[in-house]
Amino acid sequence: MAGWRSAGAALALLVAAFVAPAAAAPTPGELDSVRRQCVAAARETQQREQAVAALERDIDLRGRDADARRRGLDETRPEQARLLGALAHLARHPPDKATLLLAAPVD
């Protein structure tokens, strides 16, 4: 926030230099200070714009990833439904021990 205030102050001084009468013209040192502040404000603005662009790219990539995962879940929905049905059936009708012995793998 301090960068914005210094940029505003620099801009105000620069505008005053062009609007003020010739007798109250800013000194070369003041103009150099204003230029430095403007360059610093521009650099800070560019850095913030780059950070915002990086965040926007990240949001876009995460959105695409979420869409792909959602499509994957939607594609496997019939398989999920069959598995859930089989598990519900096993929960209601558990196999007896004899059936488990017959279905057990043999060495």
PDB file of N, CA and C in Angstrom:
ATOM      1  N   MET A   1       0.818  -1.180   0.000  1.00  0.00           N
ATOM      2  CA  MET A   1       0.000   0.000   0.000  1.00  0.00           C
ATOM      3  C   MET A   1       0.870   1.254   0.000  1.00  0.00           C
ATOM      4  N   ALA A   2       2.044   1.156   0.607  1.00  0.00           N
ATOM      5  CA  ALA A   2       2.933   2.309   0.657  1.00  0.00           C
ATOM      6  C   ALA A   2       3.392   2.689  -0.744  1.00  0.00           C
ATOM      7  N   GLY A   3       3.548   1.688  -1.630  1.00  0.00           N
ATOM      8  CA  GLY A   3       3.962   1.946  -2.999  1.00  0.00           C
ATOM      9  C   GLY A   3       2.951   2.784  -3.745  1.00  0.00           C
ATOM     10  N   TRP A   4       1.672   2.512  -3.493  1.00  0.00           N
ATOM     11  CA  TRP A   4       0.624   3.274  -4.161  1.00  0.00           C
ATOM     12  C   TRP A   4       0.606   4.719  -3.673  1.00  0.00           C
ATOM     13  N   ARG A   5       0.827   4.917  -2.378  1.00  0.00           N
ATOM     14  CA  ARG A   5       0.832   6.291  -1.851  1.00  0.00           C
ATOM     15  C   ARG A   5       2.014   7.069  -2.403  1.00  0.00           C
ATOM     16  N   SER A   6       3.188   6.427  -2.463  1.00  0.00           N
ATOM     17  CA  SER A   6       4.352   7.135  -2.990  1.00  0.00           C
ATOM     18  C   SER A   6       4.174   7.418  -4.476  1.00  0.00           C
ATOM     19  N   ALA A   7       3.519   6.493  -5.202  1.00  0.00           N
ATOM     20  CA  ALA A   7       3.257   6.736  -6.620  1.00  0.00           C
ATOM     21  C   ALA A   7       2.287   7.893  -6.772  1.00  0.00           C
ATOM     22  N   GLY A   8       1.291   7.955  -5.903  1.00  0.00           N
ATOM     23  CA  GLY A   8       0.329   9.060  -5.949  1.00  0.00           C
ATOM     24  C   GLY A   8       0.991  10.388  -5.641  1.00  0.00           C
ATOM     25  N   ALA A   9       1.873  10.383  -4.660  1.00  0.00           N
ATOM     26  CA  ALA A   9       2.581  11.615  -4.310  1.00  0.00           C
ATOM     27  C   ALA A   9       3.490  12.041  -5.454  1.00  0.00           C
ATOM     28  N   ALA A  10       4.140  11.067  -6.088  1.00  0.00           N
ATOM     29  CA  ALA A  10       5.023  11.388  -7.203  1.00  0.00           C
ATOM     30  C   ALA A  10       4.219  11.960  -8.360  1.00  0.00           C
ATOM     31  N   LEU A  11       3.067  11.375  -8.628  1.00  0.00           N
ATOM     32  CA  LEU A  11       2.221  11.854  -9.713  1.00  0.00           C
ATOM     33  C   LEU A  11       1.719  13.266  -9.407  1.00  0.00           C
ATOM     34  N   ALA A  12       1.333  13.515  -8.165  1.00  0.00           N
ATOM     35  CA  ALA A  12       0.854  14.846  -7.781  1.00  0.00           C
ATOM     36  C   ALA A  12       1.954  15.892  -7.965  1.00  0.00           C
ATOM     37  N   LEU A  13       3.177  15.536  -7.585  1.00  0.00           N
ATOM     38  CA  LEU A  13       4.295  16.464  -7.745  1.00  0.00           C
ATOM     39  C   LEU A  13       4.579  16.707  -9.218  1.00  0.00           C
ATOM     40  N   LEU A  14       4.483  15.672 -10.033  1.00  0.00           N
ATOM     41  CA  LEU A  14       4.728  15.798 -11.461  1.00  0.00           C
ATOM     42  C   LEU A  14       3.672  16.680 -12.115  1.00  0.00           C
ATOM     43  N   VAL A  15       2.399  16.471 -11.751  1.00  0.00           N
ATOM     44  CA  VAL A  15       1.311  17.300 -12.287  1.00  0.00           C
ATOM     45  C   VAL A  15       1.500  18.743 -11.845  1.00  0.00           C
ATOM     46  N   ALA A  16       1.849  18.937 -10.594  1.00  0.00           N
ATOM     47  CA  ALA A  16       2.064  20.299 -10.092  1.00  0.00           C
ATOM     48  C   ALA A  16       3.190  20.985 -10.845  1.00  0.00           C
ATOM     49  N   ALA A  17       4.189  20.235 -11.279  1.00  0.00           N
ATOM     50  CA  ALA A  17       5.312  20.817 -12.003  1.00  0.00           C
ATOM     51  C   ALA A  17       4.863  21.363 -13.348  1.00  0.00           C
ATOM     52  N   PHE A  18       3.898  20.719 -13.973  1.00  0.00           N
ATOM     53  CA  PHE A  18       3.438  21.174 -15.277  1.00  0.00           C
ATOM     54  C   PHE A  18       2.358  22.249 -15.172  1.00  0.00           C
ATOM     55  N   VAL A  19       1.608  22.237 -14.091  1.00  0.00           N
ATOM     56  CA  VAL A  19       0.500  23.178 -13.930  1.00  0.00           C
ATOM     57  C   VAL A  19       0.951  24.460 -13.232  1.00  0.00           C
ATOM     58  N   ALA A  20       1.958  24.362 -12.376  1.00  0.00           N
ATOM     59  CA  ALA A  20       2.402  25.505 -11.570  1.00  0.00           C
ATOM     60  C   ALA A  20       3.052  26.565 -12.465  1.00  0.00           C
ATOM     61  N   PRO A  21       3.040  27.806 -12.005  1.00  0.00           N
ATOM     62  CA  PRO A  21       3.719  28.868 -12.767  1.00  0.00           C
ATOM     63  C   PRO A  21       5.223  28.604 -12.843  1.00  0.00           C
ATOM     64  N   ALA A  22       5.854  29.199 -13.802  1.00  0.00           N
ATOM     65  CA  ALA A  22       7.284  28.970 -14.050  1.00  0.00           C
ATOM     66  C   ALA A  22       8.140  29.335 -12.848  1.00  0.00           C
ATOM     67  N   ALA A  23       7.724  30.300 -12.033  1.00  0.00           N
ATOM     68  CA  ALA A  23       8.520  30.722 -10.888  1.00  0.00           C
ATOM     69  C   ALA A  23       8.597  29.625  -9.832  1.00  0.00           C
ATOM     70  N   ALA A  24       7.575  28.754  -9.751  1.00  0.00           N
ATOM     71  CA  ALA A  24       7.555  27.725  -8.719  1.00  0.00           C
ATOM     72  C   ALA A  24       7.932  26.368  -9.307  1.00  0.00           C
ATOM     73  N   ALA A  25       8.721  26.336 -10.345  1.00  0.00           N
ATOM     74  CA  ALA A  25       9.106  25.081 -11.001  1.00  0.00           C
ATOM     75  C   ALA A  25       9.927  24.219 -10.046  1.00  0.00           C
ATOM     76  N   PRO A  26       9.746  22.911 -10.113  1.00  0.00           N
ATOM     77  CA  PRO A  26      10.506  22.036  -9.222  1.00  0.00           C
ATOM     78  C   PRO A  26      11.978  22.006  -9.611  1.00  0.00           C
ATOM     79  N   THR A  27      12.781  21.707  -8.630  1.00  0.00           N
ATOM     80  CA  THR A  27      14.221  21.650  -8.869  1.00  0.00           C
ATOM     81  C   THR A  27      14.550  20.345  -9.594  1.00  0.00           C
ATOM     82  N   PRO A  28      15.709  20.268 -10.232  1.00  0.00           N
ATOM     83  CA  PRO A  28      16.097  19.018 -10.904  1.00  0.00           C
ATOM     84  C   PRO A  28      16.160  17.842  -9.932  1.00  0.00           C
ATOM     85  N   GLY A  29      16.535  18.097  -8.705  1.00  0.00           N
ATOM     86  CA  GLY A  29      16.569  17.029  -7.701  1.00  0.00           C
ATOM     87  C   GLY A  29      15.182  16.482  -7.415  1.00  0.00           C
ATOM     88  N   GLU A  30      14.200  17.400  -7.355  1.00  0.00           N
ATOM     89  CA  GLU A  30      12.816  16.965  -7.129  1.00  0.00           C
ATOM     90  C   GLU A  30      12.310  16.140  -8.310  1.00  0.00           C
ATOM     91  N   LEU A  31      12.643  16.587  -9.520  1.00  0.00           N
ATOM     92  CA  LEU A  31      12.218  15.837 -10.707  1.00  0.00           C
ATOM     93  C   LEU A  31      12.859  14.448 -10.742  1.00  0.00           C
ATOM     94  N   ASP A  32      14.122  14.364 -10.373  1.00  0.00           N
ATOM     95  CA  ASP A  32      14.792  13.057 -10.326  1.00  0.00           C
ATOM     96  C   ASP A  32      14.128  12.147  -9.306  1.00  0.00           C
ATOM     97  N   SER A  33      13.765  12.736  -8.173  1.00  0.00           N
ATOM     98  CA  SER A  33      13.086  11.950  -7.139  1.00  0.00           C
ATOM     99  C   SER A  33      11.737  11.442  -7.649  1.00  0.00           C
ATOM    100  N   VAL A  34      11.009  12.303  -8.345  1.00  0.00           N
ATOM    101  CA  VAL A  34       9.710  11.914  -8.893  1.00  0.00           C
ATOM    102  C   VAL A  34       9.896  10.819  -9.937  1.00  0.00           C
ATOM    103  N   ARG A  35      10.896  10.966 -10.782  1.00  0.00           N
ATOM    104  CA  ARG A  35      11.158   9.936 -11.797  1.00  0.00           C
ATOM    105  C   ARG A  35      11.473   8.590 -11.147  1.00  0.00           C
ATOM    106  N   ARG A  36      12.305   8.614 -10.118  1.00  0.00           N
ATOM    107  CA  ARG A  36      12.651   7.368  -9.421  1.00  0.00           C
ATOM    108  C   ARG A  36      11.405   6.730  -8.799  1.00  0.00           C
ATOM    109  N   GLN A  37      10.565   7.573  -8.208  1.00  0.00           N
ATOM    110  CA  GLN A  37       9.331   7.052  -7.610  1.00  0.00           C
ATOM    111  C   GLN A  37       8.403   6.472  -8.674  1.00  0.00           C
ATOM    112  N   CYS A  38       8.333   7.131  -9.822  1.00  0.00           N
ATOM    113  CA  CYS A  38       7.487   6.622 -10.909  1.00  0.00           C
ATOM    114  C   CYS A  38       8.024   5.291 -11.437  1.00  0.00           C
ATOM    115  N   VAL A  39       9.323   5.188 -11.579  1.00  0.00           N
ATOM    116  CA  VAL A  39       9.927   3.936 -12.039  1.00  0.00           C
ATOM    117  C   VAL A  39       9.676   2.830 -11.014  1.00  0.00           C
ATOM    118  N   ALA A  40       9.827   3.137  -9.745  1.00  0.00           N
ATOM    119  CA  ALA A  40       9.583   2.138  -8.699  1.00  0.00           C
ATOM    120  C   ALA A  40       8.115   1.714  -8.699  1.00  0.00           C
ATOM    121  N   ALA A  41       7.205   2.675  -8.870  1.00  0.00           N
ATOM    122  CA  ALA A  41       5.780   2.341  -8.901  1.00  0.00           C
ATOM    123  C   ALA A  41       5.451   1.488 -10.124  1.00  0.00           C
ATOM    124  N   ALA A  42       6.063   1.801 -11.261  1.00  0.00           N
ATOM    125  CA  ALA A  42       5.837   1.009 -12.476  1.00  0.00           C
ATOM    126  C   ALA A  42       6.368  -0.412 -12.296  1.00  0.00           C
ATOM    127  N   ARG A  43       7.535  -0.534 -11.692  1.00  0.00           N
ATOM    128  CA  ARG A  43       8.119  -1.860 -11.452  1.00  0.00           C
ATOM    129  C   ARG A  43       7.226  -2.684 -10.518  1.00  0.00           C
ATOM    130  N   GLU A  44       6.737  -2.045  -9.463  1.00  0.00           N
ATOM    131  CA  GLU A  44       5.848  -2.731  -8.520  1.00  0.00           C
ATOM    132  C   GLU A  44       4.551  -3.153  -9.206  1.00  0.00           C
ATOM    133  N   THR A  45       4.028  -2.273 -10.058  1.00  0.00           N
ATOM    134  CA  THR A  45       2.797  -2.594 -10.790  1.00  0.00           C
ATOM    135  C   THR A  45       3.021  -3.791 -11.706  1.00  0.00           C
ATOM    136  N   GLN A  46       4.148  -3.831 -12.406  1.00  0.00           N
ATOM    137  CA  GLN A  46       4.461  -4.964 -13.284  1.00  0.00           C
ATOM    138  C   GLN A  46       4.580  -6.257 -12.489  1.00  0.00           C
ATOM    139  N   GLN A  47       5.224  -6.191 -11.332  1.00  0.00           N
ATOM    140  CA  GLN A  47       5.359  -7.388 -10.502  1.00  0.00           C
ATOM    141  C   GLN A  47       3.997  -7.892 -10.043  1.00  0.00           C
ATOM    142  N   ARG A  48       3.129  -6.979  -9.657  1.00  0.00           N
ATOM    143  CA  ARG A  48       1.785  -7.376  -9.219  1.00  0.00           C
ATOM    144  C   ARG A  48       0.981  -7.956 -10.382  1.00  0.00           C
ATOM    145  N   GLU A  49       1.126  -7.361 -11.561  1.00  0.00           N
ATOM    146  CA  GLU A  49       0.428  -7.880 -12.736  1.00  0.00           C
ATOM    147  C   GLU A  49       0.918  -9.289 -13.074  1.00  0.00           C
ATOM    148  N   GLN A  50       2.223  -9.520 -12.952  1.00  0.00           N
ATOM    149  CA  GLN A  50       2.773 -10.855 -13.207  1.00  0.00           C
ATOM    150  C   GLN A  50       2.251 -11.857 -12.180  1.00  0.00           C
ATOM    151  N   ALA A  51       2.162 -11.436 -10.935  1.00  0.00           N
ATOM    152  CA  ALA A  51       1.643 -12.322  -9.892  1.00  0.00           C
ATOM    153  C   ALA A  51       0.179 -12.656 -10.156  1.00  0.00           C
ATOM    154  N   VAL A  52      -0.595 -11.672 -10.570  1.00  0.00           N
ATOM    155  CA  VAL A  52      -2.013 -11.902 -10.874  1.00  0.00           C
ATOM    156  C   VAL A  52      -2.137 -12.853 -12.066  1.00  0.00           C
ATOM    157  N   ALA A  53      -1.320 -12.654 -13.090  1.00  0.00           N
ATOM    158  CA  ALA A  53      -1.356 -13.532 -14.268  1.00  0.00           C
ATOM    159  C   ALA A  53      -1.000 -14.964 -13.879  1.00  0.00           C
ATOM    160  N   ALA A  54      -0.011 -15.134 -13.011  1.00  0.00           N
ATOM    161  CA  ALA A  54       0.369 -16.481 -12.559  1.00  0.00           C
ATOM    162  C   ALA A  54      -0.776 -17.127 -11.784  1.00  0.00           C
ATOM    163  N   LEU A  55      -1.436 -16.357 -10.946  1.00  0.00           N
ATOM    164  CA  LEU A  55      -2.585 -16.883 -10.193  1.00  0.00           C
ATOM    165  C   LEU A  55      -3.731 -17.258 -11.130  1.00  0.00           C
ATOM    166  N   GLU A  56      -3.963 -16.447 -12.148  1.00  0.00           N
ATOM    167  CA  GLU A  56      -5.028 -16.759 -13.108  1.00  0.00           C
ATOM    168  C   GLU A  56      -4.714 -18.045 -13.871  1.00  0.00           C
ATOM    169  N   ARG A  57      -3.439 -18.236 -14.251  1.00  0.00           N
ATOM    170  CA  ARG A  57      -3.038 -19.489 -14.921  1.00  0.00           C
ATOM    171  C   ARG A  57      -3.248 -20.676 -13.996  1.00  0.00           C
ATOM    172  N   ASP A  58      -2.891 -20.517 -12.737  1.00  0.00           N
ATOM    173  CA  ASP A  58      -3.057 -21.597 -11.762  1.00  0.00           C
ATOM    174  C   ASP A  58      -4.540 -21.942 -11.581  1.00  0.00           C
ATOM    175  N   ILE A  59      -5.381 -20.931 -11.498  1.00  0.00           N
ATOM    176  CA  ILE A  59      -6.819 -21.165 -11.369  1.00  0.00           C
ATOM    177  C   ILE A  59      -7.342 -21.904 -12.591  1.00  0.00           C
ATOM    178  N   ASP A  60      -6.893 -21.495 -13.772  1.00  0.00           N
ATOM    179  CA  ASP A  60      -7.336 -22.144 -15.009  1.00  0.00           C
ATOM    180  C   ASP A  60      -6.903 -23.617 -15.028  1.00  0.00           C
ATOM    181  N   LEU A  61      -5.654 -23.890 -14.667  1.00  0.00           N
ATOM    182  CA  LEU A  61      -5.169 -25.275 -14.652  1.00  0.00           C
ATOM    183  C   LEU A  61      -5.929 -26.123 -13.642  1.00  0.00           C
ATOM    184  N   ARG A  62      -6.188 -25.568 -12.479  1.00  0.00           N
ATOM    185  CA  ARG A  62      -6.933 -26.312 -11.459  1.00  0.00           C
ATOM    186  C   ARG A  62      -8.373 -26.566 -11.904  1.00  0.00           C
ATOM    187  N   GLY A  63      -8.958 -25.610 -12.603  1.00  0.00           N
ATOM    188  CA  GLY A  63     -10.303 -25.804 -13.130  1.00  0.00           C
ATOM    189  C   GLY A  63     -10.340 -26.909 -14.173  1.00  0.00           C
ATOM    190  N   ARG A  64      -9.346 -26.933 -15.049  1.00  0.00           N
ATOM    191  CA  ARG A  64      -9.272 -27.997 -16.059  1.00  0.00           C
ATOM    192  C   ARG A  64      -9.079 -29.357 -15.400  1.00  0.00           C
ATOM    193  N   ASP A  65      -8.229 -29.398 -14.376  1.00  0.00           N
ATOM    194  CA  ASP A  65      -7.997 -30.656 -13.659  1.00  0.00           C
ATOM    195  C   ASP A  65      -9.278 -31.142 -12.989  1.00  0.00           C
ATOM    196  N   ALA A  66     -10.006 -30.230 -12.375  1.00  0.00           N
ATOM    197  CA  ALA A  66     -11.267 -30.605 -11.717  1.00  0.00           C
ATOM    198  C   ALA A  66     -12.282 -31.112 -12.748  1.00  0.00           C
ATOM    199  N   ASP A  67     -12.338 -30.465 -13.905  1.00  0.00           N
ATOM    200  CA  ASP A  67     -13.254 -30.919 -14.954  1.00  0.00           C
ATOM    201  C   ASP A  67     -12.882 -32.318 -15.434  1.00  0.00           C
ATOM    202  N   ALA A  68     -11.597 -32.583 -15.607  1.00  0.00           N
ATOM    203  CA  ALA A  68     -11.153 -33.903 -16.064  1.00  0.00           C
ATOM    204  C   ALA A  68     -11.485 -34.969 -15.022  1.00  0.00           C
ATOM    205  N   ARG A  69     -11.280 -34.654 -13.771  1.00  0.00           N
ATOM    206  CA  ARG A  69     -11.603 -35.620 -12.714  1.00  0.00           C
ATOM    207  C   ARG A  69     -13.110 -35.881 -12.657  1.00  0.00           C
ATOM    208  N   ARG A  70     -13.899 -34.832 -12.832  1.00  0.00           N
ATOM    209  CA  ARG A  70     -15.354 -34.984 -12.830  1.00  0.00           C
ATOM    210  C   ARG A  70     -15.798 -35.865 -14.001  1.00  0.00           C
ATOM    211  N   ARG A  71     -15.207 -35.650 -15.177  1.00  0.00           N
ATOM    212  CA  ARG A  71     -15.544 -36.495 -16.327  1.00  0.00           C
ATOM    213  C   ARG A  71     -15.161 -37.946 -16.064  1.00  0.00           C
ATOM    214  N   GLY A  72     -13.990 -38.162 -15.443  1.00  0.00           N
ATOM    215  CA  GLY A  72     -13.563 -39.523 -15.110  1.00  0.00           C
ATOM    216  C   GLY A  72     -14.538 -40.208 -14.165  1.00  0.00           C
ATOM    217  N   LEU A  73     -15.003 -39.485 -13.170  1.00  0.00           N
ATOM    218  CA  LEU A  73     -15.991 -40.052 -12.246  1.00  0.00           C
ATOM    219  C   LEU A  73     -17.311 -40.349 -12.957  1.00  0.00           C
ATOM    220  N   ASP A  74     -17.710 -39.440 -13.831  1.00  0.00           N
ATOM    221  CA  ASP A  74     -18.964 -39.651 -14.566  1.00  0.00           C
ATOM    222  C   ASP A  74     -18.866 -40.872 -15.482  1.00  0.00           C
ATOM    223  N   GLU A  75     -17.703 -41.086 -16.076  1.00  0.00           N
ATOM    224  CA  GLU A  75     -17.521 -42.227 -16.982  1.00  0.00           C
ATOM    225  C   GLU A  75     -17.553 -43.557 -16.230  1.00  0.00           C
ATOM    226  N   THR A  76     -17.116 -43.572 -14.990  1.00  0.00           N
ATOM    227  CA  THR A  76     -17.082 -44.826 -14.228  1.00  0.00           C
ATOM    228  C   THR A  76     -18.318 -45.006 -13.348  1.00  0.00           C
ATOM    229  N   ARG A  77     -19.282 -44.114 -13.480  1.00  0.00           N
ATOM    230  CA  ARG A  77     -20.482 -44.189 -12.639  1.00  0.00           C
ATOM    231  C   ARG A  77     -21.219 -45.538 -12.765  1.00  0.00           C
ATOM    232  N   PRO A  78     -21.414 -46.103 -13.969  1.00  0.00           N
ATOM    233  CA  PRO A  78     -22.089 -47.409 -14.046  1.00  0.00           C
ATOM    234  C   PRO A  78     -21.324 -48.512 -13.298  1.00  0.00           C
ATOM    235  N   GLU A  79     -20.007 -48.497 -13.422  1.00  0.00           N
ATOM    236  CA  GLU A  79     -19.192 -49.489 -12.709  1.00  0.00           C
ATOM    237  C   GLU A  79     -19.314 -49.298 -11.198  1.00  0.00           C
ATOM    238  N   GLN A  80     -19.315 -48.046 -10.755  1.00  0.00           N
ATOM    239  CA  GLN A  80     -19.476 -47.760  -9.331  1.00  0.00           C
ATOM    240  C   GLN A  80     -20.832 -48.265  -8.829  1.00  0.00           C
ATOM    241  N   ALA A  81     -21.875 -48.071  -9.631  1.00  0.00           N
ATOM    242  CA  ALA A  81     -23.219 -48.511  -9.235  1.00  0.00           C
ATOM    243  C   ALA A  81     -23.270 -50.034  -9.111  1.00  0.00           C
ATOM    244  N   ARG A  82     -22.650 -50.748 -10.068  1.00  0.00           N
ATOM    245  CA  ARG A  82     -22.624 -52.220  -9.985  1.00  0.00           C
ATOM    246  C   ARG A  82     -21.860 -52.691  -8.748  1.00  0.00           C
ATOM    247  N   LEU A  83     -20.737 -52.065  -8.469  1.00  0.00           N
ATOM    248  CA  LEU A  83     -19.944 -52.440  -7.300  1.00  0.00           C
ATOM    249  C   LEU A  83     -20.719 -52.172  -6.016  1.00  0.00           C
ATOM    250  N   LEU A  84     -21.379 -51.030  -5.939  1.00  0.00           N
ATOM    251  CA  LEU A  84     -22.170 -50.707  -4.757  1.00  0.00           C
ATOM    252  C   LEU A  84     -23.305 -51.715  -4.579  1.00  0.00           C
ATOM    253  N   GLY A  85     -23.938 -52.099  -5.676  1.00  0.00           N
ATOM    254  CA  GLY A  85     -24.994 -53.104  -5.600  1.00  0.00           C
ATOM    255  C   GLY A  85     -24.470 -54.440  -5.100  1.00  0.00           C
ATOM    256  N   ALA A  86     -23.296 -54.851  -5.604  1.00  0.00           N
ATOM    257  CA  ALA A  86     -22.708 -56.118  -5.166  1.00  0.00           C
ATOM    258  C   ALA A  86     -22.352 -56.062  -3.687  1.00  0.00           C
ATOM    259  N   LEU A  87     -21.795 -54.957  -3.236  1.00  0.00           N
ATOM    260  CA  LEU A  87     -21.447 -54.820  -1.821  1.00  0.00           C
ATOM    261  C   LEU A  87     -22.693 -54.821  -0.945  1.00  0.00           C
ATOM    262  N   ALA A  88     -23.750 -54.166  -1.390  1.00  0.00           N
ATOM    263  CA  ALA A  88     -25.005 -54.158  -0.624  1.00  0.00           C
ATOM    264  C   ALA A  88     -25.580 -55.573  -0.539  1.00  0.00           C
ATOM    265  N   HIS A  89     -25.511 -56.309  -1.650  1.00  0.00           N
ATOM    266  CA  HIS A  89     -26.006 -57.688  -1.657  1.00  0.00           C
ATOM    267  C   HIS A  89     -25.194 -58.549  -0.681  1.00  0.00           C
ATOM    268  N   LEU A  90     -23.864 -58.406  -0.701  1.00  0.00           N
ATOM    269  CA  LEU A  90     -23.014 -59.170   0.220  1.00  0.00           C
ATOM    270  C   LEU A  90     -23.292 -58.798   1.673  1.00  0.00           C
ATOM    271  N   ALA A  91     -23.601 -57.529   1.921  1.00  0.00           N
ATOM    272  CA  ALA A  91     -23.897 -57.103   3.292  1.00  0.00           C
ATOM    273  C   ALA A  91     -25.205 -57.721   3.778  1.00  0.00           C
ATOM    274  N   ARG A  92     -26.187 -57.815   2.878  1.00  0.00           N
ATOM    275  CA  ARG A  92     -27.488 -58.403   3.253  1.00  0.00           C
ATOM    276  C   ARG A  92     -27.439 -59.927   3.297  1.00  0.00           C
ATOM    277  N   HIS A  93     -26.648 -60.539   2.445  1.00  0.00           N
ATOM    278  CA  HIS A  93     -26.567 -62.000   2.329  1.00  0.00           C
ATOM    279  C   HIS A  93     -25.104 -62.443   2.377  1.00  0.00           C
ATOM    280  N   PRO A  94     -24.497 -62.406   3.546  1.00  0.00           N
ATOM    281  CA  PRO A  94     -23.085 -62.803   3.614  1.00  0.00           C
ATOM    282  C   PRO A  94     -22.939 -64.289   3.273  1.00  0.00           C
ATOM    283  N   PRO A  95     -21.869 -64.664   2.596  1.00  0.00           N
ATOM    284  CA  PRO A  95     -21.668 -66.076   2.253  1.00  0.00           C
ATOM    285  C   PRO A  95     -21.370 -66.894   3.515  1.00  0.00           C
ATOM    286  N   ASP A  96     -21.802 -68.153   3.500  1.00  0.00           N
ATOM    287  CA  ASP A  96     -21.492 -69.006   4.654  1.00  0.00           C
ATOM    288  C   ASP A  96     -20.052 -69.490   4.539  1.00  0.00           C
ATOM    289  N   LYS A  97     -19.552 -70.111   5.604  1.00  0.00           N
ATOM    290  CA  LYS A  97     -18.148 -70.509   5.666  1.00  0.00           C
ATOM    291  C   LYS A  97     -17.812 -71.554   4.610  1.00  0.00           C
ATOM    292  N   ALA A  98     -18.739 -72.442   4.282  1.00  0.00           N
ATOM    293  CA  ALA A  98     -18.468 -73.477   3.284  1.00  0.00           C
ATOM    294  C   ALA A  98     -18.224 -72.841   1.917  1.00  0.00           C
ATOM    295  N   THR A  99     -18.999 -71.833   1.587  1.00  0.00           N
ATOM    296  CA  THR A  99     -18.825 -71.146   0.311  1.00  0.00           C
ATOM    297  C   THR A  99     -17.483 -70.429   0.281  1.00  0.00           C
ATOM    298  N   LEU A 100     -17.110 -69.846   1.408  1.00  0.00           N
ATOM    299  CA  LEU A 100     -15.820 -69.144   1.463  1.00  0.00           C
ATOM    300  C   LEU A 100     -14.669 -70.116   1.269  1.00  0.00           C
ATOM    301  N   LEU A 101     -14.785 -71.338   1.833  1.00  0.00           N
ATOM    302  CA  LEU A 101     -13.722 -72.324   1.665  1.00  0.00           C
ATOM    303  C   LEU A 101     -13.622 -72.785   0.222  1.00  0.00           C
ATOM    304  N   LEU A 102     -14.766 -72.911  -0.438  1.00  0.00           N
ATOM    305  CA  LEU A 102     -14.756 -73.328  -1.840  1.00  0.00           C
ATOM    306  C   LEU A 102     -14.178 -72.245  -2.742  1.00  0.00           C
ATOM    307  N   ALA A 103     -14.409 -70.982  -2.410  1.00  0.00           N
ATOM    308  CA  ALA A 103     -13.939 -69.890  -3.230  1.00  0.00           C
ATOM    309  C   ALA A 103     -12.519 -69.478  -2.880  1.00  0.00           C
ATOM    310  N   ALA A 104     -11.950 -70.026  -1.812  1.00  0.00           N
ATOM    311  CA  ALA A 104     -10.611 -69.632  -1.405  1.00  0.00           C
ATOM    312  C   ALA A 104      -9.592 -70.139  -2.414  1.00  0.00           C
ATOM    313  N   PRO A 105      -8.538 -69.361  -2.659  1.00  0.00           N
ATOM    314  CA  PRO A 105      -7.498 -69.816  -3.606  1.00  0.00           C
ATOM    315  C   PRO A 105      -6.764 -71.022  -3.055  1.00  0.00           C
ATOM    316  N   VAL A 106      -6.371 -71.889  -3.941  1.00  0.00           N
ATOM    317  CA  VAL A 106      -5.665 -73.110  -3.572  1.00  0.00           C
ATOM    318  C   VAL A 106      -4.218 -72.986  -3.980  1.00  0.00           C
ATOM    319  N   ASP A 107      -3.315 -73.418  -3.091  1.00  0.00           N
ATOM    320  CA  ASP A 107      -1.889 -73.370  -3.423  1.00  0.00           C
ATOM    321  C   ASP A 107      -1.490 -74.552  -4.273  1.00  0.00           C
TER     322      ASP A 107
END
